[in-house]
PDB file of N, CA and C in Angstrom:
ATOM      1  N   UNK A   1      -7.734   7.730  23.428  1.00  0.00           N
ATOM      2  CA  UNK A   1      -7.195   7.599  22.100  1.00  0.00           C
ATOM      3  C   UNK A   1      -7.905   6.440  21.406  1.00  0.00           C
ATOM      4  N   UNK A   2      -8.388   6.687  20.206  1.00  0.00           N
ATOM      5  CA  UNK A   2      -9.104   5.675  19.458  1.00  0.00           C
ATOM      6  C   UNK A   2      -8.184   4.761  18.674  1.00  0.00           C
ATOM      7  N   UNK A   3      -8.777   3.760  18.041  1.00  0.00           N
ATOM      8  CA  UNK A   3      -7.999   2.769  17.298  1.00  0.00           C
ATOM      9  C   UNK A   3      -7.250   3.404  16.126  1.00  0.00           C
ATOM     10  N   UNK A   4      -7.870   4.360  15.444  1.00  0.00           N
ATOM     11  CA  UNK A   4      -7.207   4.994  14.302  1.00  0.00           C
ATOM     12  C   UNK A   4      -5.929   5.708  14.738  1.00  0.00           C
ATOM     13  N   UNK A   5      -5.971   6.398  15.852  1.00  0.00           N
ATOM     14  CA  UNK A   5      -4.782   7.090  16.349  1.00  0.00           C
ATOM     15  C   UNK A   5      -3.701   6.103  16.787  1.00  0.00           C
ATOM     16  N   UNK A   6      -4.112   5.009  17.405  1.00  0.00           N
ATOM     17  CA  UNK A   6      -3.139   4.005  17.834  1.00  0.00           C
ATOM     18  C   UNK A   6      -2.441   3.352  16.649  1.00  0.00           C
ATOM     19  N   UNK A   7      -3.222   3.016  15.626  1.00  0.00           N
ATOM     20  CA  UNK A   7      -2.633   2.409  14.423  1.00  0.00           C
ATOM     21  C   UNK A   7      -1.696   3.409  13.747  1.00  0.00           C
ATOM     22  N   UNK A   8      -2.102   4.660  13.657  1.00  0.00           N
ATOM     23  CA  UNK A   8      -1.271   5.697  13.045  1.00  0.00           C
ATOM     24  C   UNK A   8       0.055   5.849  13.796  1.00  0.00           C
ATOM     25  N   UNK A   9       0.006   5.791  15.115  1.00  0.00           N
ATOM     26  CA  UNK A   9       1.234   5.888  15.914  1.00  0.00           C
ATOM     27  C   UNK A   9       2.152   4.692  15.666  1.00  0.00           C
ATOM     28  N   UNK A  10       1.588   3.499  15.514  1.00  0.00           N
ATOM     29  CA  UNK A  10       2.398   2.302  15.236  1.00  0.00           C
ATOM     30  C   UNK A  10       3.063   2.407  13.866  1.00  0.00           C
ATOM     31  N   UNK A  11       2.331   2.883  12.874  1.00  0.00           N
ATOM     32  CA  UNK A  11       2.913   3.055  11.537  1.00  0.00           C
ATOM     33  C   UNK A  11       4.029   4.090  11.587  1.00  0.00           C
ATOM     34  N   UNK A  12       3.807   5.184  12.299  1.00  0.00           N
ATOM     35  CA  UNK A  12       4.827   6.225  12.431  1.00  0.00           C
ATOM     36  C   UNK A  12       6.071   5.689  13.128  1.00  0.00           C
ATOM     37  N   UNK A  13       5.890   4.912  14.177  1.00  0.00           N
ATOM     38  CA  UNK A  13       7.023   4.420  14.957  1.00  0.00           C
ATOM     39  C   UNK A  13       7.766   3.269  14.286  1.00  0.00           C
ATOM     40  N   UNK A  14       7.046   2.345  13.673  1.00  0.00           N
ATOM     41  CA  UNK A  14       7.663   1.106  13.204  1.00  0.00           C
ATOM     42  C   UNK A  14       7.591   0.891  11.690  1.00  0.00           C
ATOM     43  N   UNK A  15       6.881   1.746  10.980  1.00  0.00           N
ATOM     44  CA  UNK A  15       6.719   1.568   9.541  1.00  0.00           C
ATOM     45  C   UNK A  15       8.008   1.783   8.771  1.00  0.00           C
ATOM     46  N   UNK A  16       8.055   1.206   7.590  1.00  0.00           N
ATOM     47  CA  UNK A  16       9.208   1.328   6.709  1.00  0.00           C
ATOM     48  C   UNK A  16       9.053   2.586   5.849  1.00  0.00           C
ATOM     49  N   UNK A  17      10.146   3.310   5.664  1.00  0.00           N
ATOM     50  CA  UNK A  17      10.116   4.519   4.847  1.00  0.00           C
ATOM     51  C   UNK A  17       9.996   4.167   3.365  1.00  0.00           C
ATOM     52  N   UNK A  18       9.231   4.988   2.641  1.00  0.00           N
ATOM     53  CA  UNK A  18       9.172   4.885   1.187  1.00  0.00           C
ATOM     54  C   UNK A  18       8.862   6.259   0.622  1.00  0.00           C
ATOM     55  N   UNK A  19       9.108   6.437  -0.669  1.00  0.00           N
ATOM     56  CA  UNK A  19       8.811   7.694  -1.333  1.00  0.00           C
ATOM     57  C   UNK A  19       7.624   7.511  -2.260  1.00  0.00           C
ATOM     58  N   UNK A  20       6.651   8.376  -2.125  1.00  0.00           N
ATOM     59  CA  UNK A  20       5.472   8.360  -2.975  1.00  0.00           C
ATOM     60  C   UNK A  20       5.708   9.327  -4.122  1.00  0.00           C
ATOM     61  N   UNK A  21       5.610   8.837  -5.345  1.00  0.00           N
ATOM     62  CA  UNK A  21       5.850   9.620  -6.558  1.00  0.00           C
ATOM     63  C   UNK A  21       7.226  10.274  -6.559  1.00  0.00           C
ATOM     64  N   UNK A  22       8.185   9.639  -5.885  1.00  0.00           N
ATOM     65  CA  UNK A  22       9.555  10.099  -5.897  1.00  0.00           C
ATOM     66  C   UNK A  22       9.871  11.301  -5.027  1.00  0.00           C
ATOM     67  N   UNK A  23       8.862  11.888  -4.371  1.00  0.00           N
ATOM     68  CA  UNK A  23       9.126  13.103  -3.596  1.00  0.00           C
ATOM     69  C   UNK A  23       8.516  13.122  -2.201  1.00  0.00           C
ATOM     70  N   UNK A  24       7.389  12.486  -1.990  1.00  0.00           N
ATOM     71  CA  UNK A  24       6.685  12.568  -0.717  1.00  0.00           C
ATOM     72  C   UNK A  24       7.084  11.409   0.190  1.00  0.00           C
ATOM     73  N   UNK A  25       7.772  11.706   1.314  1.00  0.00           N
ATOM     74  CA  UNK A  25       8.131  10.621   2.234  1.00  0.00           C
ATOM     75  C   UNK A  25       6.909  10.118   3.001  1.00  0.00           C
ATOM     76  N   UNK A  26       6.776   8.801   3.079  1.00  0.00           N
ATOM     77  CA  UNK A  26       5.667   8.160   3.786  1.00  0.00           C
ATOM     78  C   UNK A  26       6.231   6.977   4.569  1.00  0.00           C
ATOM     79  N   UNK A  27       5.383   6.363   5.381  1.00  0.00           N
ATOM     80  CA  UNK A  27       5.745   5.152   6.121  1.00  0.00           C
ATOM     81  C   UNK A  27       4.622   4.144   5.986  1.00  0.00           C
ATOM     82  N   UNK A  28       4.990   2.876   6.027  1.00  0.00           N
ATOM     83  CA  UNK A  28       3.990   1.828   5.945  1.00  0.00           C
ATOM     84  C   UNK A  28       4.620   0.465   6.176  1.00  0.00           C
ATOM     85  N   UNK A  29       3.776  -0.540   6.183  1.00  0.00           N
ATOM     86  CA  UNK A  29       4.213  -1.921   6.333  1.00  0.00           C
ATOM     87  C   UNK A  29       4.032  -2.639   4.999  1.00  0.00           C
ATOM     88  N   UNK A  30       5.079  -3.304   4.530  1.00  0.00           N
ATOM     89  CA  UNK A  30       5.057  -4.021   3.261  1.00  0.00           C
ATOM     90  C   UNK A  30       5.072  -5.524   3.506  1.00  0.00           C
ATOM     91  N   UNK A  31       4.413  -6.260   2.627  1.00  0.00           N
ATOM     92  CA  UNK A  31       4.534  -7.712   2.600  1.00  0.00           C
ATOM     93  C   UNK A  31       4.415  -8.154   1.154  1.00  0.00           C
ATOM     94  N   UNK A  32       4.895  -9.361   0.887  1.00  0.00           N
ATOM     95  CA  UNK A  32       4.742  -9.896  -0.467  1.00  0.00           C
ATOM     96  C   UNK A  32       3.269 -10.104  -0.761  1.00  0.00           C
ATOM     97  N   UNK A  33       2.890  -9.841  -1.986  1.00  0.00           N
ATOM     98  CA  UNK A  33       1.505 -10.017  -2.412  1.00  0.00           C
ATOM     99  C   UNK A  33       1.267 -11.499  -2.681  1.00  0.00           C
ATOM    100  N   UNK A  34       0.534 -12.140  -1.791  1.00  0.00           N
ATOM    101  CA  UNK A  34       0.232 -13.552  -1.997  1.00  0.00           C
ATOM    102  C   UNK A  34      -1.048 -13.684  -2.835  1.00  0.00           C
ATOM    103  N   UNK A  35      -1.308 -14.910  -3.280  1.00  0.00           N
ATOM    104  CA  UNK A  35      -2.469 -15.141  -4.152  1.00  0.00           C
ATOM    105  C   UNK A  35      -3.785 -14.800  -3.480  1.00  0.00           C
ATOM    106  N   UNK A  36      -3.902 -15.047  -2.191  1.00  0.00           N
ATOM    107  CA  UNK A  36      -5.152 -14.761  -1.486  1.00  0.00           C
ATOM    108  C   UNK A  36      -5.463 -13.273  -1.514  1.00  0.00           C
ATOM    109  N   UNK A  37      -4.493 -12.452  -1.121  1.00  0.00           N
ATOM    110  CA  UNK A  37      -4.719 -11.000  -1.143  1.00  0.00           C
ATOM    111  C   UNK A  37      -4.914 -10.487  -2.552  1.00  0.00           C
ATOM    112  N   UNK A  38      -4.187 -11.063  -3.504  1.00  0.00           N
ATOM    113  CA  UNK A  38      -4.325 -10.626  -4.886  1.00  0.00           C
ATOM    114  C   UNK A  38      -5.746 -10.893  -5.388  1.00  0.00           C
ATOM    115  N   UNK A  39      -6.295 -12.050  -5.066  1.00  0.00           N
ATOM    116  CA  UNK A  39      -7.651 -12.392  -5.518  1.00  0.00           C
ATOM    117  C   UNK A  39      -8.726 -11.571  -4.804  1.00  0.00           C
ATOM    118  N   UNK A  40      -8.455 -11.154  -3.574  1.00  0.00           N
ATOM    119  CA  UNK A  40      -9.411 -10.310  -2.849  1.00  0.00           C
ATOM    120  C   UNK A  40      -9.438  -8.907  -3.447  1.00  0.00           C
ATOM    121  N   UNK A  41      -8.267  -8.376  -3.773  1.00  0.00           N
ATOM    122  CA  UNK A  41      -8.160  -6.978  -4.215  1.00  0.00           C
ATOM    123  C   UNK A  41      -8.329  -6.781  -5.721  1.00  0.00           C
ATOM    124  N   UNK A  42      -7.952  -7.782  -6.518  1.00  0.00           N
ATOM    125  CA  UNK A  42      -7.919  -7.610  -7.975  1.00  0.00           C
ATOM    126  C   UNK A  42      -8.807  -8.619  -8.678  1.00  0.00           C
ATOM    127  N   UNK A  43      -9.369  -8.214  -9.807  1.00  0.00           N
ATOM    128  CA  UNK A  43     -10.077  -9.191 -10.628  1.00  0.00           C
ATOM    129  C   UNK A  43      -9.048  -9.930 -11.490  1.00  0.00           C
ATOM    130  N   UNK A  44      -9.491 -10.903 -12.281  1.00  0.00           N
ATOM    131  CA  UNK A  44      -8.563 -11.740 -13.045  1.00  0.00           C
ATOM    132  C   UNK A  44      -7.719 -10.933 -14.028  1.00  0.00           C
ATOM    133  N   UNK A  45      -8.323  -9.956 -14.694  1.00  0.00           N
ATOM    134  CA  UNK A  45      -7.591  -9.136 -15.659  1.00  0.00           C
ATOM    135  C   UNK A  45      -6.522  -8.313 -14.970  1.00  0.00           C
ATOM    136  N   UNK A  46      -6.865  -7.696 -13.848  1.00  0.00           N
ATOM    137  CA  UNK A  46      -5.888  -6.903 -13.101  1.00  0.00           C
ATOM    138  C   UNK A  46      -4.780  -7.781 -12.537  1.00  0.00           C
ATOM    139  N   UNK A  47      -5.138  -8.957 -12.037  1.00  0.00           N
ATOM    140  CA  UNK A  47      -4.150  -9.873 -11.467  1.00  0.00           C
ATOM    141  C   UNK A  47      -3.130 -10.313 -12.518  1.00  0.00           C
ATOM    142  N   UNK A  48      -3.562 -10.428 -13.752  1.00  0.00           N
ATOM    143  CA  UNK A  48      -2.664 -10.849 -14.828  1.00  0.00           C
ATOM    144  C   UNK A  48      -1.613  -9.782 -15.142  1.00  0.00           C
ATOM    145  N   UNK A  49      -1.854  -8.536 -14.763  1.00  0.00           N
ATOM    146  CA  UNK A  49      -0.904  -7.460 -15.065  1.00  0.00           C
ATOM    147  C   UNK A  49       0.171  -7.287 -13.996  1.00  0.00           C
ATOM    148  N   UNK A  50       0.064  -8.005 -12.884  1.00  0.00           N
ATOM    149  CA  UNK A  50       1.032  -7.855 -11.797  1.00  0.00           C
ATOM    150  C   UNK A  50       2.370  -8.446 -12.219  1.00  0.00           C
ATOM    151  N   UNK A  51       3.422  -7.617 -12.146  1.00  0.00           N
ATOM    152  CA  UNK A  51       4.778  -8.098 -12.391  1.00  0.00           C
ATOM    153  C   UNK A  51       5.314  -8.552 -11.042  1.00  0.00           C
ATOM    154  N   UNK A  52       5.574  -9.832 -10.919  1.00  0.00           N
ATOM    155  CA  UNK A  52       5.931 -10.416  -9.625  1.00  0.00           C
ATOM    156  C   UNK A  52       7.405 -10.220  -9.323  1.00  0.00           C
ATOM    157  N   UNK A  53       7.770 -10.100  -8.080  1.00  0.00           N
ATOM    158  CA  UNK A  53       6.889 -10.184  -6.925  1.00  0.00           C
ATOM    159  C   UNK A  53       6.183  -8.855  -6.659  1.00  0.00           C
ATOM    160  N   UNK A  54       4.891  -8.914  -6.507  1.00  0.00           N
ATOM    161  CA  UNK A  54       4.115  -7.746  -6.143  1.00  0.00           C
ATOM    162  C   UNK A  54       4.166  -7.536  -4.645  1.00  0.00           C
ATOM    163  N   UNK A  55       3.747  -6.361  -4.211  1.00  0.00           N
ATOM    164  CA  UNK A  55       3.753  -6.053  -2.790  1.00  0.00           C
ATOM    165  C   UNK A  55       2.371  -5.609  -2.329  1.00  0.00           C
ATOM    166  N   UNK A  56       2.120  -5.801  -1.053  1.00  0.00           N
ATOM    167  CA  UNK A  56       0.908  -5.351  -0.378  1.00  0.00           C
ATOM    168  C   UNK A  56       1.364  -4.340   0.657  1.00  0.00           C
ATOM    169  N   UNK A  57       0.822  -3.144   0.607  1.00  0.00           N
ATOM    170  CA  UNK A  57       1.236  -2.054   1.484  1.00  0.00           C
ATOM    171  C   UNK A  57       0.091  -1.653   2.407  1.00  0.00           C
ATOM    172  N   UNK A  58       0.395  -1.504   3.685  1.00  0.00           N
ATOM    173  CA  UNK A  58      -0.544  -0.958   4.664  1.00  0.00           C
ATOM    174  C   UNK A  58       0.047   0.358   5.141  1.00  0.00           C
ATOM    175  N   UNK A  59      -0.673   1.451   4.951  1.00  0.00           N
ATOM    176  CA  UNK A  59      -0.173   2.772   5.307  1.00  0.00           C
ATOM    177  C   UNK A  59      -1.254   3.569   6.042  1.00  0.00           C
ATOM    178  N   UNK A  60      -0.942   4.786   6.405  1.00  0.00           N
ATOM    179  CA  UNK A  60      -1.898   5.624   7.131  1.00  0.00           C
ATOM    180  C   UNK A  60      -3.162   5.862   6.299  1.00  0.00           C
ATOM    181  N   UNK A  61      -4.277   5.986   6.962  1.00  0.00           N
ATOM    182  CA  UNK A  61      -5.540   6.265   6.282  1.00  0.00           C
ATOM    183  C   UNK A  61      -5.514   7.624   5.599  1.00  0.00           C
ATOM    184  N   UNK A  62      -4.688   8.527   6.092  1.00  0.00           N
ATOM    185  CA  UNK A  62      -4.609   9.879   5.526  1.00  0.00           C
ATOM    186  C   UNK A  62      -3.630   9.977   4.363  1.00  0.00           C
ATOM    187  N   UNK A  63      -2.947   8.901   4.039  1.00  0.00           N
ATOM    188  CA  UNK A  63      -2.012   8.915   2.922  1.00  0.00           C
ATOM    189  C   UNK A  63      -2.752   9.238   1.630  1.00  0.00           C
ATOM    190  N   UNK A  64      -2.111   9.988   0.761  1.00  0.00           N
ATOM    191  CA  UNK A  64      -2.745  10.391  -0.496  1.00  0.00           C
ATOM    192  C   UNK A  64      -2.396   9.446  -1.650  1.00  0.00           C
ATOM    193  N   UNK A  65      -1.990   8.228  -1.332  1.00  0.00           N
ATOM    194  CA  UNK A  65      -1.631   7.244  -2.347  1.00  0.00           C
ATOM    195  C   UNK A  65      -2.860   6.883  -3.179  1.00  0.00           C
ATOM    196  N   UNK A  66      -2.662   6.798  -4.505  1.00  0.00           N
ATOM    197  CA  UNK A  66      -3.770   6.520  -5.418  1.00  0.00           C
ATOM    198  C   UNK A  66      -3.285   5.625  -6.558  1.00  0.00           C
ATOM    199  N   UNK A  67      -4.223   5.107  -7.318  1.00  0.00           N
ATOM    200  CA  UNK A  67      -3.922   4.250  -8.468  1.00  0.00           C
ATOM    201  C   UNK A  67      -3.019   5.012  -9.442  1.00  0.00           C
ATOM    202  N   UNK A  68      -2.032   4.319  -9.990  1.00  0.00           N
ATOM    203  CA  UNK A  68      -1.033   4.819 -10.938  1.00  0.00           C
ATOM    204  C   UNK A  68       0.057   5.677 -10.305  1.00  0.00           C
ATOM    205  N   UNK A  69       0.037   5.870  -8.981  1.00  0.00           N
ATOM    206  CA  UNK A  69       1.150   6.519  -8.304  1.00  0.00           C
ATOM    207  C   UNK A  69       2.327   5.555  -8.296  1.00  0.00           C
ATOM    208  N   UNK A  70       3.517   6.081  -8.015  1.00  0.00           N
ATOM    209  CA  UNK A  70       4.690   5.233  -7.887  1.00  0.00           C
ATOM    210  C   UNK A  70       5.172   5.229  -6.449  1.00  0.00           C
ATOM    211  N   UNK A  71       5.717   4.099  -6.053  1.00  0.00           N
ATOM    212  CA  UNK A  71       6.292   3.911  -4.723  1.00  0.00           C
ATOM    213  C   UNK A  71       7.733   3.475  -4.914  1.00  0.00           C
ATOM    214  N   UNK A  72       8.664   4.219  -4.314  1.00  0.00           N
ATOM    215  CA  UNK A  72      10.076   3.876  -4.379  1.00  0.00           C
ATOM    216  C   UNK A  72      10.482   3.287  -3.035  1.00  0.00           C
ATOM    217  N   UNK A  73      10.892   2.025  -3.061  1.00  0.00           N
ATOM    218  CA  UNK A  73      11.268   1.296  -1.844  1.00  0.00           C
ATOM    219  C   UNK A  73      12.510   0.473  -2.117  1.00  0.00           C
ATOM    220  N   UNK A  74      13.515   0.625  -1.296  1.00  0.00           N
ATOM    221  CA  UNK A  74      14.777  -0.120  -1.440  1.00  0.00           C
ATOM    222  C   UNK A  74      15.359  -0.014  -2.852  1.00  0.00           C
ATOM    223  N   UNK A  75      15.246   1.143  -3.454  1.00  0.00           N
ATOM    224  CA  UNK A  75      15.806   1.353  -4.781  1.00  0.00           C
ATOM    225  C   UNK A  75      14.995   0.786  -5.926  1.00  0.00           C
ATOM    226  N   UNK A  76      13.849   0.194  -5.639  1.00  0.00           N
ATOM    227  CA  UNK A  76      12.980  -0.356  -6.687  1.00  0.00           C
ATOM    228  C   UNK A  76      11.718   0.473  -6.782  1.00  0.00           C
ATOM    229  N   UNK A  77      11.224   0.628  -7.993  1.00  0.00           N
ATOM    230  CA  UNK A  77      10.004   1.393  -8.212  1.00  0.00           C
ATOM    231  C   UNK A  77       8.827   0.456  -8.455  1.00  0.00           C
ATOM    232  N   UNK A  78       7.727   0.756  -7.800  1.00  0.00           N
ATOM    233  CA  UNK A  78       6.494  -0.016  -7.931  1.00  0.00           C
ATOM    234  C   UNK A  78       5.374   0.922  -8.361  1.00  0.00           C
ATOM    235  N   UNK A  79       4.394   0.356  -9.041  1.00  0.00           N
ATOM    236  CA  UNK A  79       3.215   1.113  -9.472  1.00  0.00           C
ATOM    237  C   UNK A  79       2.013   0.638  -8.664  1.00  0.00           C
ATOM    238  N   UNK A  80       1.195   1.573  -8.222  1.00  0.00           N
ATOM    239  CA  UNK A  80       0.000   1.247  -7.447  1.00  0.00           C
ATOM    240  C   UNK A  80      -1.102   0.790  -8.406  1.00  0.00           C
ATOM    241  N   UNK A  81      -1.582  -0.443  -8.210  1.00  0.00           N
ATOM    242  CA  UNK A  81      -2.648  -0.983  -9.055  1.00  0.00           C
ATOM    243  C   UNK A  81      -4.034  -0.738  -8.469  1.00  0.00           C
ATOM    244  N   UNK A  82      -4.127  -0.793  -7.145  1.00  0.00           N
ATOM    245  CA  UNK A  82      -5.427  -0.615  -6.503  1.00  0.00           C
ATOM    246  C   UNK A  82      -5.224  -0.204  -5.054  1.00  0.00           C
ATOM    247  N   UNK A  83      -6.151   0.606  -4.551  1.00  0.00           N
ATOM    248  CA  UNK A  83      -6.122   0.995  -3.143  1.00  0.00           C
ATOM    249  C   UNK A  83      -7.502   0.766  -2.527  1.00  0.00           C
ATOM    250  N   UNK A  84      -7.515   0.654  -1.225  1.00  0.00           N
ATOM    251  CA  UNK A  84      -8.776   0.529  -0.480  1.00  0.00           C
ATOM    252  C   UNK A  84      -8.555   1.084   0.920  1.00  0.00           C
ATOM    253  N   UNK A  85      -9.606   1.576   1.512  1.00  0.00           N
ATOM    254  CA  UNK A  85      -9.550   2.055   2.883  1.00  0.00           C
ATOM    255  C   UNK A  85     -10.211   1.018   3.766  1.00  0.00           C
ATOM    256  N   UNK A  86      -9.480   0.589   4.790  1.00  0.00           N
ATOM    257  CA  UNK A  86     -10.025  -0.367   5.760  1.00  0.00           C
ATOM    258  C   UNK A  86     -10.620   0.418   6.914  1.00  0.00           C
ATOM    259  N   UNK A  87     -11.844   0.078   7.287  1.00  0.00           N
ATOM    260  CA  UNK A  87     -12.571   0.812   8.324  1.00  0.00           C
ATOM    261  C   UNK A  87     -12.886  -0.083   9.507  1.00  0.00           C
ATOM    262  N   UNK A  88     -13.025   0.560  10.657  1.00  0.00           N
ATOM    263  CA  UNK A  88     -13.456  -0.115  11.876  1.00  0.00           C
ATOM    264  C   UNK A  88     -14.537   0.757  12.487  1.00  0.00           C
ATOM    265  N   UNK A  89     -15.756   0.245  12.529  1.00  0.00           N
ATOM    266  CA  UNK A  89     -16.868   1.024  13.059  1.00  0.00           C
ATOM    267  C   UNK A  89     -17.143   2.286  12.265  1.00  0.00           C
ATOM    268  N   UNK A  90     -16.903   2.240  10.957  1.00  0.00           N
ATOM    269  CA  UNK A  90     -17.137   3.389  10.106  1.00  0.00           C
ATOM    270  C   UNK A  90     -16.001   4.396  10.077  1.00  0.00           C
ATOM    271  N   UNK A  91     -14.969   4.171  10.876  1.00  0.00           N
ATOM    272  CA  UNK A  91     -13.833   5.083  10.959  1.00  0.00           C
ATOM    273  C   UNK A  91     -12.676   4.529  10.137  1.00  0.00           C
ATOM    274  N   UNK A  92     -12.115   5.352   9.237  1.00  0.00           N
ATOM    275  CA  UNK A  92     -10.975   4.929   8.424  1.00  0.00           C
ATOM    276  C   UNK A  92      -9.770   4.684   9.318  1.00  0.00           C
ATOM    277  N   UNK A  93      -9.210   3.473   9.246  1.00  0.00           N
ATOM    278  CA  UNK A  93      -8.089   3.110  10.107  1.00  0.00           C
ATOM    279  C   UNK A  93      -6.781   3.062   9.306  1.00  0.00           C
ATOM    280  N   UNK A  94      -6.778   2.378   8.169  1.00  0.00           N
ATOM    281  CA  UNK A  94      -5.591   2.286   7.314  1.00  0.00           C
ATOM    282  C   UNK A  94      -6.020   2.309   5.856  1.00  0.00           C
ATOM    283  N   UNK A  95      -5.059   2.589   5.012  1.00  0.00           N
ATOM    284  CA  UNK A  95      -5.245   2.464   3.572  1.00  0.00           C
ATOM    285  C   UNK A  95      -4.327   1.343   3.114  1.00  0.00           C
ATOM    286  N   UNK A  96      -4.820   0.463   2.271  1.00  0.00           N
ATOM    287  CA  UNK A  96      -4.020  -0.627   1.730  1.00  0.00           C
ATOM    288  C   UNK A  96      -3.861  -0.419   0.228  1.00  0.00           C
ATOM    289  N   UNK A  97      -2.743  -0.908  -0.296  1.00  0.00           N
ATOM    290  CA  UNK A  97      -2.476  -0.760  -1.725  1.00  0.00           C
ATOM    291  C   UNK A  97      -1.808  -2.010  -2.257  1.00  0.00           C
ATOM    292  N   UNK A  98      -2.142  -2.354  -3.483  1.00  0.00           N
ATOM    293  CA  UNK A  98      -1.503  -3.451  -4.202  1.00  0.00           C
ATOM    294  C   UNK A  98      -0.504  -2.822  -5.160  1.00  0.00           C
ATOM    295  N   UNK A  99       0.749  -3.290  -5.067  1.00  0.00           N
ATOM    296  CA  UNK A  99       1.829  -2.719  -5.875  1.00  0.00           C
ATOM    297  C   UNK A  99       2.407  -3.760  -6.808  1.00  0.00           C
ATOM    298  N   UNK A 100       2.716  -3.333  -8.021  1.00  0.00           N
ATOM    299  CA  UNK A 100       3.391  -4.186  -9.006  1.00  0.00           C
ATOM    300  C   UNK A 100       4.711  -3.527  -9.349  1.00  0.00           C
ATOM    301  N   UNK A 101       5.726  -4.324  -9.615  1.00  0.00           N
ATOM    302  CA  UNK A 101       6.999  -3.745 -10.014  1.00  0.00           C
ATOM    303  C   UNK A 101       6.810  -2.955 -11.293  1.00  0.00           C
ATOM    304  N   UNK A 102       7.551  -1.854 -11.400  1.00  0.00           N
ATOM    305  CA  UNK A 102       7.518  -1.046 -12.601  1.00  0.00           C
ATOM    306  C   UNK A 102       8.131  -1.855 -13.744  1.00  0.00           C
ATOM    307  N   UNK A 103       7.643  -1.673 -14.934  1.00  0.00           N
ATOM    308  CA  UNK A 103       8.082  -2.481 -16.067  1.00  0.00           C
ATOM    309  C   UNK A 103       9.445  -2.086 -16.605  1.00  0.00           C
ATOM    310  N   UNK A 104      10.038  -1.026 -16.105  1.00  0.00           N
ATOM    311  CA  UNK A 104      11.365  -0.646 -16.617  1.00  0.00           C
ATOM    312  C   UNK A 104      12.352  -1.466 -15.941  1.00  0.00           C
TER     313      UNK A 104
END
Protein backbone atom coordinates (compact mmCIF):
# COMPACT_ATOMS: atom_id res chain seq x y z
CA UNK A 1 0.00 0.00 0.00
CA UNK A 2 1.41 3.36 -1.02
CA UNK A 3 1.41 6.66 0.84
CA UNK A 4 -1.62 7.99 -1.05
CA UNK A 5 -3.74 5.02 0.01
CA UNK A 6 -2.57 5.28 3.62
CA UNK A 7 -3.38 8.99 3.80
CA UNK A 8 -6.79 8.36 2.19
CA UNK A 9 -7.54 5.68 4.80
CA UNK A 10 -6.61 8.07 7.64
CA UNK A 11 -8.88 10.79 6.25
CA UNK A 12 -11.71 8.26 5.88
CA UNK A 13 -11.25 6.94 9.42
CA UNK A 14 -10.52 10.13 11.35
CA UNK A 15 -11.56 13.06 9.14
CA UNK A 16 -14.35 15.45 10.04
CA UNK A 17 -17.56 15.30 8.01
CA UNK A 18 -18.56 18.27 5.87
CA UNK A 19 -20.91 18.96 2.97
CA UNK A 20 -19.54 20.19 -0.33
CA UNK A 21 -21.97 22.55 -2.10
CA UNK A 22 -24.63 21.53 0.39
CA UNK A 23 -25.12 18.02 -1.01
CA UNK A 24 -21.91 16.00 -1.37
CA UNK A 25 -20.66 14.43 1.88
CA UNK A 26 -16.87 14.54 2.26
CA UNK A 27 -14.28 14.13 5.02
CA UNK A 28 -11.19 16.12 5.84
CA UNK A 29 -9.06 17.75 8.50
CA UNK A 30 -9.69 21.42 9.35
CA UNK A 31 -7.48 23.94 11.09
CA UNK A 32 -7.61 27.68 11.56
CA UNK A 33 -5.99 29.58 8.72
CA UNK A 34 -2.90 31.15 10.21
CA UNK A 35 -0.91 33.97 8.60
CA UNK A 36 1.86 31.65 7.42
CA UNK A 37 -0.46 29.36 5.46
CA UNK A 38 -2.45 32.32 4.20
CA UNK A 39 0.69 33.97 2.79
CA UNK A 40 1.83 30.71 1.18
CA UNK A 41 -1.51 30.06 -0.53
CA UNK A 42 -2.82 33.57 -1.26
CA UNK A 43 -1.43 36.77 -2.68
CA UNK A 44 -2.03 40.08 -0.85
CA UNK A 45 -5.26 40.88 -2.72
CA UNK A 46 -6.73 37.44 -2.07
CA UNK A 47 -5.63 37.51 1.58
CA UNK A 48 -7.49 40.79 2.07
CA UNK A 49 -10.78 39.12 1.07
CA UNK A 50 -10.64 36.44 3.79
CA UNK A 51 -13.42 36.86 6.34
CA UNK A 52 -11.82 35.67 9.56
CA UNK A 53 -11.56 33.20 11.01
CA UNK A 54 -10.65 31.41 7.81
CA UNK A 55 -10.02 27.69 7.64
CA UNK A 56 -7.41 25.44 6.06
CA UNK A 57 -8.78 22.10 4.84
CA UNK A 58 -6.86 18.93 4.01
CA UNK A 59 -9.00 16.40 2.13
CA UNK A 60 -8.66 13.45 -0.24
CA UNK A 61 -6.75 14.04 -3.46
CA UNK A 62 -9.78 12.74 -5.36
CA UNK A 63 -12.13 15.31 -3.85
CA UNK A 64 -13.82 17.48 -6.47
CA UNK A 65 -13.56 20.64 -4.34
CA UNK A 66 -12.84 23.75 -6.43
CA UNK A 67 -12.65 27.54 -6.15
CA UNK A 68 -16.04 29.18 -5.36
CA UNK A 69 -17.52 25.92 -4.01
CA UNK A 70 -19.16 26.05 -0.59
CA UNK A 71 -18.29 23.96 2.44
CA UNK A 72 -20.85 23.48 5.21
CA UNK A 73 -19.22 22.61 8.54
CA UNK A 74 -20.77 22.82 12.01
CA UNK A 75 -23.69 24.82 10.64
CA UNK A 76 -21.45 27.50 9.11
CA UNK A 77 -20.92 28.04 5.41
CA UNK A 78 -17.48 28.74 3.96
CA UNK A 79 -16.39 29.64 0.44
CA UNK A 80 -13.35 28.03 -1.18
CA UNK A 81 -10.82 30.71 -2.16
CA UNK A 82 -8.01 28.51 -3.44
CA UNK A 83 -7.09 24.85 -3.79
CA UNK A 84 -3.86 22.98 -4.42
CA UNK A 85 -2.83 19.36 -4.76
CA UNK A 86 0.04 18.22 -2.56
CA UNK A 87 2.22 15.56 -4.19
CA UNK A 88 4.81 13.08 -3.00
CA UNK A 89 7.08 11.67 -5.68
CA UNK A 90 4.74 12.95 -8.38
CA UNK A 91 1.75 11.15 -6.86
CA UNK A 92 -1.23 13.23 -5.65
CA UNK A 93 -1.59 12.59 -1.92
CA UNK A 94 -4.03 15.26 -0.63
CA UNK A 95 -5.87 18.32 -1.79
CA UNK A 96 -5.73 21.44 0.38
CA UNK A 97 -8.14 24.36 0.34
CA UNK A 98 -8.29 27.82 1.87
CA UNK A 99 -11.77 28.67 3.14
CA UNK A 100 -13.31 32.01 4.07
CA UNK A 101 -16.55 32.44 5.95
CA UNK A 102 -19.50 33.19 3.71
CA UNK A 103 -20.47 36.85 3.81
CA UNK A 104 -24.09 36.18 4.74
